[in-house]
Amino acid sequence: MITAAEVKQVARSLGADVVGIASMDRWEGAPLQMDPRQIMPEAKSLIAMAFRVMRGSLRGIEEGTFFSNYAAMGYGGLTYLYIPLTVMNLSKYIEDRGYEAIPIGHQHEWRAVDGEGNLRGNVSRPVAPGRACPDVMTHLRIAAYLAGLGEIGYSKVLLTPQFGPRQRIGIVLTEAELEPDPIYEGPKLCNRCMACVKECPGKAISGEKTVKVTLAGHEVEWGELDCAACDIAFRGGQIAEGDDEAQYTEDMYGHRITRSPYTPFYRKPRNLYNTGQAVCGGRGCLRACMVSLENRDVLQNKFEKPFRRQKPWLVDWSDDAAEGFKEGKVKEAD
């Protein structure tokens, strides 16, 4: 016998900041390719864990002086070191008590669907009728929502009452039947302030078009995302308007990519870990959202000083600005 309270205590002792549990019936009606029951048909519980991104790991990007810390410690380090260790050790604990458990982190590169949930061509085929194409992708933010950790904000980022948008998620699927947590119905976190829309460097979040889904009987709505625009802006790039603009990184989505005002780098830095290339530092969906939530004083993780202490910066990549740079001139965002 193993209890939910016991599992949560162990998860926290291993490094998880927040822990919640969902019963598997909450995935009723889920798309086949995103249904964790396709991975473990006898699963009884999904344990979702939130791991905070240190607010300090965003400081260097906010100041425009130190970008690698968020990519390494706040993104790649959590994704590829800290979360795997925690979910693996929690799974060991559960399996030592006689219940199969699958540790799952951010391991979606083999998934059969793209970022918008559509099947990618010529990746895989089902091994038997009625089964999903390998690999099934369990949507981690949705899993965290169904486990009661928080709500889905307008940017489609998970918001928790502890950290707002500032966490990453790991999960464990298990055959152990654990008492589920209620879906979050606490104080509303996202007030549709649209800071995420206004400050996203890729204009990737629509301010008008939304997506509505029903999750375990609850209606959830977020702004329609342009995943390609996010992917480009996330790296600090933008689509070049002409061949005379400097190449920032390899062509993406059929477009030549040049530097955006949201990167200080002449060329995109190499990845840290596997995907640590978050040069924009979540300018809209993470930092702007967090600033808004902190200004409303709705988060439990509080600080002595506000996060935003000066106007956000922009880099002017024009030749004239290059001369200005030699003279020590700096440009601020509007």
Protein backbone atom coordinates (compact mmCIF):
# COMPACT_ATOMS: atom_id res chain seq x y z
CA MET A 1 0.00 0.00 0.00
CA ILE A 2 1.25 3.44 -0.89
CA THR A 3 -0.54 6.73 -0.24
CA ALA A 4 -0.75 10.06 -2.04
CA ALA A 5 0.59 11.90 1.00
CA GLU A 6 3.60 9.59 1.12
CA VAL A 7 4.34 10.05 -2.59
CA LYS A 8 4.08 13.83 -2.33
CA GLN A 9 6.38 13.95 0.67
CA VAL A 10 8.98 11.86 -1.15
CA ALA A 11 8.68 13.95 -4.33
CA ARG A 12 9.29 17.16 -2.37
CA SER A 13 12.22 15.61 -0.54
CA LEU A 14 13.71 14.74 -3.94
CA GLY A 15 13.44 18.32 -5.19
CA ALA A 16 9.96 18.94 -6.58
CA ASP A 17 8.50 22.29 -5.52
CA VAL A 18 4.81 21.48 -6.01
CA VAL A 19 3.17 18.07 -6.43
CA GLY A 20 -0.31 17.07 -7.57
CA ILE A 21 -2.02 13.83 -8.58
CA ALA A 22 -4.56 13.16 -11.33
CA SER A 23 -6.68 10.08 -11.86
CA MET A 24 -6.54 8.72 -15.40
CA ASP A 25 -10.22 9.22 -16.16
CA ARG A 26 -9.41 12.93 -16.49
CA TRP A 27 -7.95 12.14 -19.93
CA GLU A 28 -11.28 10.87 -21.22
CA GLY A 29 -11.72 12.35 -24.71
CA ALA A 30 -8.04 13.26 -25.05
CA PRO A 31 -6.47 13.04 -28.54
CA LEU A 32 -5.10 9.54 -29.10
CA GLN A 33 -1.55 10.84 -29.62
CA MET A 34 -1.62 12.76 -26.32
CA ASP A 35 -3.36 10.23 -24.11
CA PRO A 36 -0.98 8.82 -21.46
CA ARG A 37 -3.19 5.73 -21.20
CA GLN A 38 -1.75 4.79 -24.59
CA ILE A 39 1.63 4.59 -22.85
CA MET A 40 0.50 2.69 -19.76
CA PRO A 41 -3.02 1.23 -20.22
CA GLU A 42 -3.17 0.04 -16.61
CA ALA A 43 -2.07 3.37 -15.16
CA LYS A 44 -4.18 4.52 -12.23
CA SER A 45 -2.46 7.81 -11.43
CA LEU A 46 -0.35 10.55 -12.93
CA ILE A 47 1.88 12.47 -10.53
CA ALA A 48 2.73 15.97 -11.78
CA MET A 49 5.58 17.98 -10.29
CA ALA A 50 6.44 21.64 -10.80
CA PHE A 51 10.09 22.70 -10.60
CA ARG A 52 10.62 26.41 -10.20
CA VAL A 53 12.81 28.43 -12.53
CA MET A 54 14.81 30.66 -10.22
CA ARG A 55 13.77 34.26 -10.67
CA GLY A 56 17.46 35.10 -10.47
CA SER A 57 18.11 32.98 -13.56
CA LEU A 58 16.11 35.54 -15.54
CA ARG A 59 17.98 38.54 -14.09
CA GLY A 60 20.83 38.48 -16.59
CA ILE A 61 18.45 38.50 -19.57
CA GLU A 62 16.34 41.22 -17.97
CA GLU A 63 19.51 43.30 -17.61
CA GLY A 64 20.71 42.28 -21.10
CA THR A 65 24.08 41.09 -19.81
CA PHE A 66 24.00 37.35 -19.00
CA PHE A 67 21.88 35.06 -21.14
CA SER A 68 23.33 31.60 -20.60
CA ASN A 69 22.11 31.17 -17.03
CA TYR A 70 18.44 30.88 -17.95
CA ALA A 71 19.25 28.63 -20.92
CA ALA A 72 21.42 26.40 -18.72
CA MET A 73 20.06 26.52 -15.16
CA GLY A 74 16.49 27.60 -15.83
CA TYR A 75 15.83 25.59 -18.97
CA GLY A 76 18.27 22.89 -20.05
CA GLY A 77 19.53 22.11 -16.55
CA LEU A 78 16.02 21.60 -15.23
CA THR A 79 14.89 19.73 -18.31
CA TYR A 80 17.83 17.40 -18.77
CA LEU A 81 19.32 17.04 -15.28
CA TYR A 82 17.18 18.02 -12.33
CA ILE A 83 13.76 16.83 -13.49
CA PRO A 84 14.97 13.44 -14.82
CA LEU A 85 16.79 12.71 -11.56
CA THR A 86 13.74 13.55 -9.50
CA VAL A 87 11.18 11.62 -11.56
CA MET A 88 13.52 8.62 -11.82
CA ASN A 89 14.14 8.50 -8.07
CA LEU A 90 10.44 8.90 -7.32
CA SER A 91 9.71 6.06 -9.75
CA LYS A 92 12.29 3.90 -7.96
CA TYR A 93 10.51 4.60 -4.68
CA ILE A 94 7.15 3.57 -6.16
CA GLU A 95 8.47 0.45 -7.92
CA ASP A 96 10.21 -0.66 -4.70
CA ARG A 97 6.69 -0.86 -3.25
CA GLY A 98 5.42 -3.08 -6.04
CA TYR A 99 3.83 -0.68 -8.52
CA GLU A 100 5.17 -0.04 -11.99
CA ALA A 101 6.09 3.61 -12.62
CA ILE A 102 7.31 5.54 -15.69
CA PRO A 103 9.46 8.63 -15.17
CA ILE A 104 8.68 11.22 -17.86
CA GLY A 105 10.38 14.53 -18.44
CA HIS A 106 10.91 16.64 -21.54
CA GLN A 107 11.72 13.82 -23.96
CA HIS A 108 9.48 14.65 -26.85
CA GLU A 109 11.85 14.72 -29.78
CA TRP A 110 10.61 11.28 -30.90
CA ARG A 111 6.96 12.31 -30.72
CA ALA A 112 4.71 11.61 -33.71
CA VAL A 113 2.94 14.98 -33.58
CA ASP A 114 4.21 18.50 -34.19
CA GLY A 115 3.84 21.44 -31.84
CA GLU A 116 0.26 21.96 -32.93
CA GLY A 117 -0.79 18.34 -32.41
CA ASN A 118 -0.77 17.28 -36.07
CA LEU A 119 0.83 13.99 -37.12
CA ARG A 120 4.27 14.55 -38.60
CA GLY A 121 4.74 12.73 -41.89
CA ASN A 122 6.84 9.58 -42.19
CA VAL A 123 7.81 9.40 -38.53
CA SER A 124 6.17 6.16 -37.36
CA ARG A 125 3.12 3.93 -37.70
CA PRO A 126 0.97 2.17 -35.08
CA VAL A 127 2.16 -1.28 -34.08
CA ALA A 128 -1.45 -2.51 -33.90
CA PRO A 129 -4.93 -1.21 -34.83
CA GLY A 130 -6.29 1.26 -32.29
CA ARG A 131 -2.94 2.22 -30.90
CA ALA A 132 -1.25 5.58 -31.26
CA CYS A 133 1.76 6.21 -33.48
CA PRO A 134 5.01 6.15 -31.50
CA ASP A 135 5.89 8.24 -29.65
CA VAL A 136 2.86 9.40 -27.71
CA MET A 137 3.35 12.89 -26.27
CA THR A 138 1.78 13.58 -22.91
CA HIS A 139 1.17 17.32 -22.80
CA LEU A 140 2.95 18.29 -19.60
CA ARG A 141 1.12 21.57 -18.97
CA ILE A 142 -2.24 19.88 -19.45
CA ALA A 143 -1.11 17.07 -17.15
CA ALA A 144 -0.17 19.61 -14.49
CA TYR A 145 -3.55 21.30 -14.89
CA LEU A 146 -5.36 17.98 -14.53
CA ALA A 147 -3.31 17.23 -11.41
CA GLY A 148 -4.47 20.46 -9.79
CA LEU A 149 -1.21 22.41 -9.90
CA GLY A 150 -2.67 25.57 -11.42
CA GLU A 151 -4.43 27.04 -14.42
CA ILE A 152 -3.60 27.50 -18.09
CA GLY A 153 -2.97 31.18 -18.80
CA TYR A 154 -3.87 33.10 -21.96
CA SER A 155 -0.38 32.35 -23.31
CA LYS A 156 -1.05 28.60 -22.81
CA VAL A 157 1.66 28.57 -20.15
CA LEU A 158 0.83 26.82 -16.87
CA LEU A 159 0.37 29.33 -14.05
CA THR A 160 0.71 28.16 -10.46
CA PRO A 161 -0.24 30.17 -7.37
CA GLN A 162 3.29 29.69 -6.11
CA PHE A 163 5.39 30.82 -9.09
CA GLY A 164 3.03 32.04 -11.81
CA PRO A 165 4.54 31.00 -15.16
CA ARG A 166 7.99 30.34 -13.68
CA GLN A 167 8.33 26.54 -13.61
CA ARG A 168 8.86 23.45 -15.70
CA ILE A 169 7.03 20.16 -15.32
CA GLY A 170 7.94 16.50 -14.82
CA ILE A 171 5.51 13.61 -14.40
CA VAL A 172 5.37 9.99 -13.26
CA LEU A 173 2.79 7.55 -14.60
CA THR A 174 2.05 4.69 -12.25
CA GLU A 175 -0.19 1.72 -11.70
CA ALA A 176 -0.49 2.74 -8.04
CA GLU A 177 -3.94 4.09 -7.26
CA LEU A 178 -3.46 7.35 -5.38
CA GLU A 179 -5.97 9.86 -4.05
CA PRO A 180 -6.30 12.53 -6.78
CA ASP A 181 -6.17 16.27 -6.10
CA PRO A 182 -9.03 18.51 -7.18
CA ILE A 183 -8.51 20.56 -10.31
CA TYR A 184 -7.36 24.06 -9.36
CA GLU A 185 -10.24 26.41 -8.64
CA GLY A 186 -8.40 28.88 -6.42
CA PRO A 187 -8.10 32.61 -7.00
CA LYS A 188 -7.92 33.40 -10.72
CA LEU A 189 -4.32 33.95 -11.76
CA CYS A 190 -4.61 35.05 -15.41
CA ASN A 191 -6.74 38.19 -15.68
CA ARG A 192 -6.30 38.48 -19.48
CA CYS A 193 -4.07 41.55 -19.08
CA MET A 194 -2.54 40.61 -22.44
CA ALA A 195 0.99 41.47 -21.31
CA CYS A 196 2.09 38.18 -22.89
CA VAL A 197 0.56 39.23 -26.23
CA LYS A 198 1.99 42.74 -26.14
CA GLU A 199 5.54 41.74 -25.19
CA CYS A 200 6.02 38.51 -27.16
CA PRO A 201 8.88 39.34 -29.56
CA GLY A 202 7.47 36.99 -32.21
CA LYS A 203 3.87 38.22 -31.94
CA ALA A 204 3.16 34.53 -31.61
CA ILE A 205 0.11 34.82 -29.32
CA SER A 206 -3.06 36.07 -30.97
CA GLY A 207 -4.91 38.76 -29.08
CA GLU A 208 -8.15 37.95 -30.88
CA LYS A 209 -8.27 34.27 -31.84
CA THR A 210 -8.53 31.73 -29.04
CA VAL A 211 -8.58 27.97 -28.59
CA LYS A 212 -11.18 26.38 -26.33
CA VAL A 213 -10.96 22.84 -25.01
CA THR A 214 -12.75 20.82 -22.36
CA LEU A 215 -10.48 19.13 -19.85
CA ALA A 216 -12.10 16.76 -17.36
CA GLY A 217 -15.35 18.69 -17.69
CA HIS A 218 -13.72 22.10 -17.30
CA GLU A 219 -13.67 24.62 -20.16
CA VAL A 220 -10.19 26.04 -20.73
CA GLU A 221 -9.31 28.79 -23.20
CA TRP A 222 -6.05 30.29 -24.37
CA GLY A 223 -4.82 32.54 -27.17
CA GLU A 224 -4.10 30.90 -30.51
CA LEU A 225 -0.36 30.30 -30.85
CA ASP A 226 1.80 30.61 -33.93
CA CYS A 227 4.35 27.91 -33.04
CA ALA A 228 6.66 28.78 -35.94
CA ALA A 229 6.77 32.45 -34.93
CA CYS A 230 7.47 31.39 -31.35
CA ASP A 231 10.23 29.02 -32.46
CA ILE A 232 12.02 31.76 -34.40
CA ALA A 233 11.63 34.52 -31.80
CA PHE A 234 12.53 32.16 -28.96
CA ARG A 235 16.03 31.91 -30.43
CA GLY A 236 16.35 35.67 -30.86
CA GLY A 237 15.70 35.64 -34.61
CA GLN A 238 13.24 37.19 -37.00
CA ILE A 239 12.43 36.65 -40.67
CA ALA A 240 14.79 38.68 -42.87
CA GLU A 241 13.19 41.13 -45.28
CA GLY A 242 16.08 40.97 -47.75
CA ASP A 243 19.26 39.07 -48.57
CA ASP A 244 21.37 42.00 -47.37
CA GLU A 245 20.36 41.39 -43.77
CA ALA A 246 22.86 39.42 -41.72
CA GLN A 247 22.16 35.70 -41.25
CA TYR A 248 21.56 35.00 -37.54
CA THR A 249 20.89 31.27 -37.64
CA GLU A 250 20.00 28.59 -40.18
CA ASP A 251 16.94 29.06 -42.38
CA MET A 252 13.72 28.18 -40.57
CA TYR A 253 10.31 27.36 -42.03
CA GLY A 254 11.58 28.32 -45.48
CA HIS A 255 12.74 31.75 -44.38
CA ARG A 256 16.12 33.42 -44.02
CA ILE A 257 16.54 34.37 -40.35
CA THR A 258 18.26 37.54 -39.22
CA ARG A 259 18.86 39.10 -35.79
CA SER A 260 15.88 40.55 -33.95
CA PRO A 261 16.10 43.50 -31.54
CA TYR A 262 15.66 40.93 -28.75
CA THR A 263 19.10 39.36 -29.09
CA PRO A 264 22.46 40.97 -28.41
CA PHE A 265 24.29 38.20 -30.29
CA TYR A 266 25.65 38.52 -33.84
CA ARG A 267 24.98 34.79 -34.32
CA LYS A 268 22.72 32.54 -32.28
CA PRO A 269 24.85 30.96 -29.55
CA ARG A 270 25.22 27.20 -29.64
CA ASN A 271 22.79 25.17 -27.60
CA LEU A 272 23.39 24.57 -23.93
CA TYR A 273 22.31 21.01 -23.17
CA ASN A 274 20.02 19.90 -26.00
CA THR A 275 17.65 22.78 -26.48
CA GLY A 276 19.02 25.50 -24.25
CA GLN A 277 18.61 28.33 -26.70
CA ALA A 278 15.97 30.47 -25.04
CA VAL A 279 17.57 33.79 -25.98
CA CYS A 280 14.30 35.73 -25.67
CA GLY A 281 14.03 34.60 -22.05
CA GLY A 282 10.25 34.25 -22.26
CA ARG A 283 9.96 38.00 -22.76
CA GLY A 284 6.20 37.93 -23.11
CA CYS A 285 4.85 34.59 -21.91
CA LEU A 286 7.15 34.34 -18.91
CA ARG A 287 8.70 37.64 -17.83
CA ALA A 288 5.88 40.02 -18.77
CA CYS A 289 3.35 37.61 -17.25
CA MET A 290 5.39 37.29 -14.06
CA VAL A 291 5.75 41.07 -13.75
CA SER A 292 1.98 41.46 -14.13
CA LEU A 293 1.22 38.76 -11.55
CA GLU A 294 3.74 40.17 -9.07
CA ASN A 295 2.33 43.68 -9.50
CA ARG A 296 -1.09 42.25 -8.59
CA ASP A 297 0.48 40.53 -5.55
CA VAL A 298 -1.22 37.20 -6.31
CA LEU A 299 1.83 34.89 -6.13
CA GLN A 300 2.95 33.07 -3.00
CA ASN A 301 6.68 33.19 -3.82
CA LYS A 302 7.40 36.81 -2.83
CA PHE A 303 10.49 39.00 -3.09
CA GLU A 304 11.77 42.12 -1.38
CA LYS A 305 12.26 43.95 -4.68
CA PRO A 306 10.23 43.99 -7.90
CA PHE A 307 11.61 42.02 -10.81
CA ARG A 308 11.42 44.83 -13.39
CA ARG A 309 13.65 47.67 -12.29
CA GLN A 310 14.17 49.52 -15.55
CA LYS A 311 12.64 49.79 -19.01
CA PRO A 312 13.16 46.65 -21.13
CA TRP A 313 15.99 46.93 -23.64
CA LEU A 314 16.09 46.52 -27.40
CA VAL A 315 19.17 46.18 -29.59
CA ASP A 316 19.44 48.44 -32.63
CA TRP A 317 21.28 46.44 -35.30
CA SER A 318 21.49 49.26 -37.82
CA ASP A 319 24.92 50.35 -39.03
CA ASP A 320 24.41 53.79 -37.46
CA ALA A 321 23.69 52.10 -34.17
CA ALA A 322 26.92 50.14 -34.50
CA GLU A 323 28.75 53.44 -34.53
CA GLY A 324 26.65 54.52 -31.56
CA PHE A 325 27.60 51.34 -29.74
CA LYS A 326 31.25 52.36 -30.03
CA GLU A 327 30.25 55.59 -28.34
CA GLY A 328 28.40 53.75 -25.59
CA LYS A 329 24.84 54.59 -26.69
CA VAL A 330 22.01 52.37 -25.46
CA LYS A 331 18.46 51.97 -26.79
CA GLU A 332 15.44 51.27 -24.60
CA ALA A 333 12.15 49.68 -25.55
CA ASP A 334 9.12 51.96 -25.90
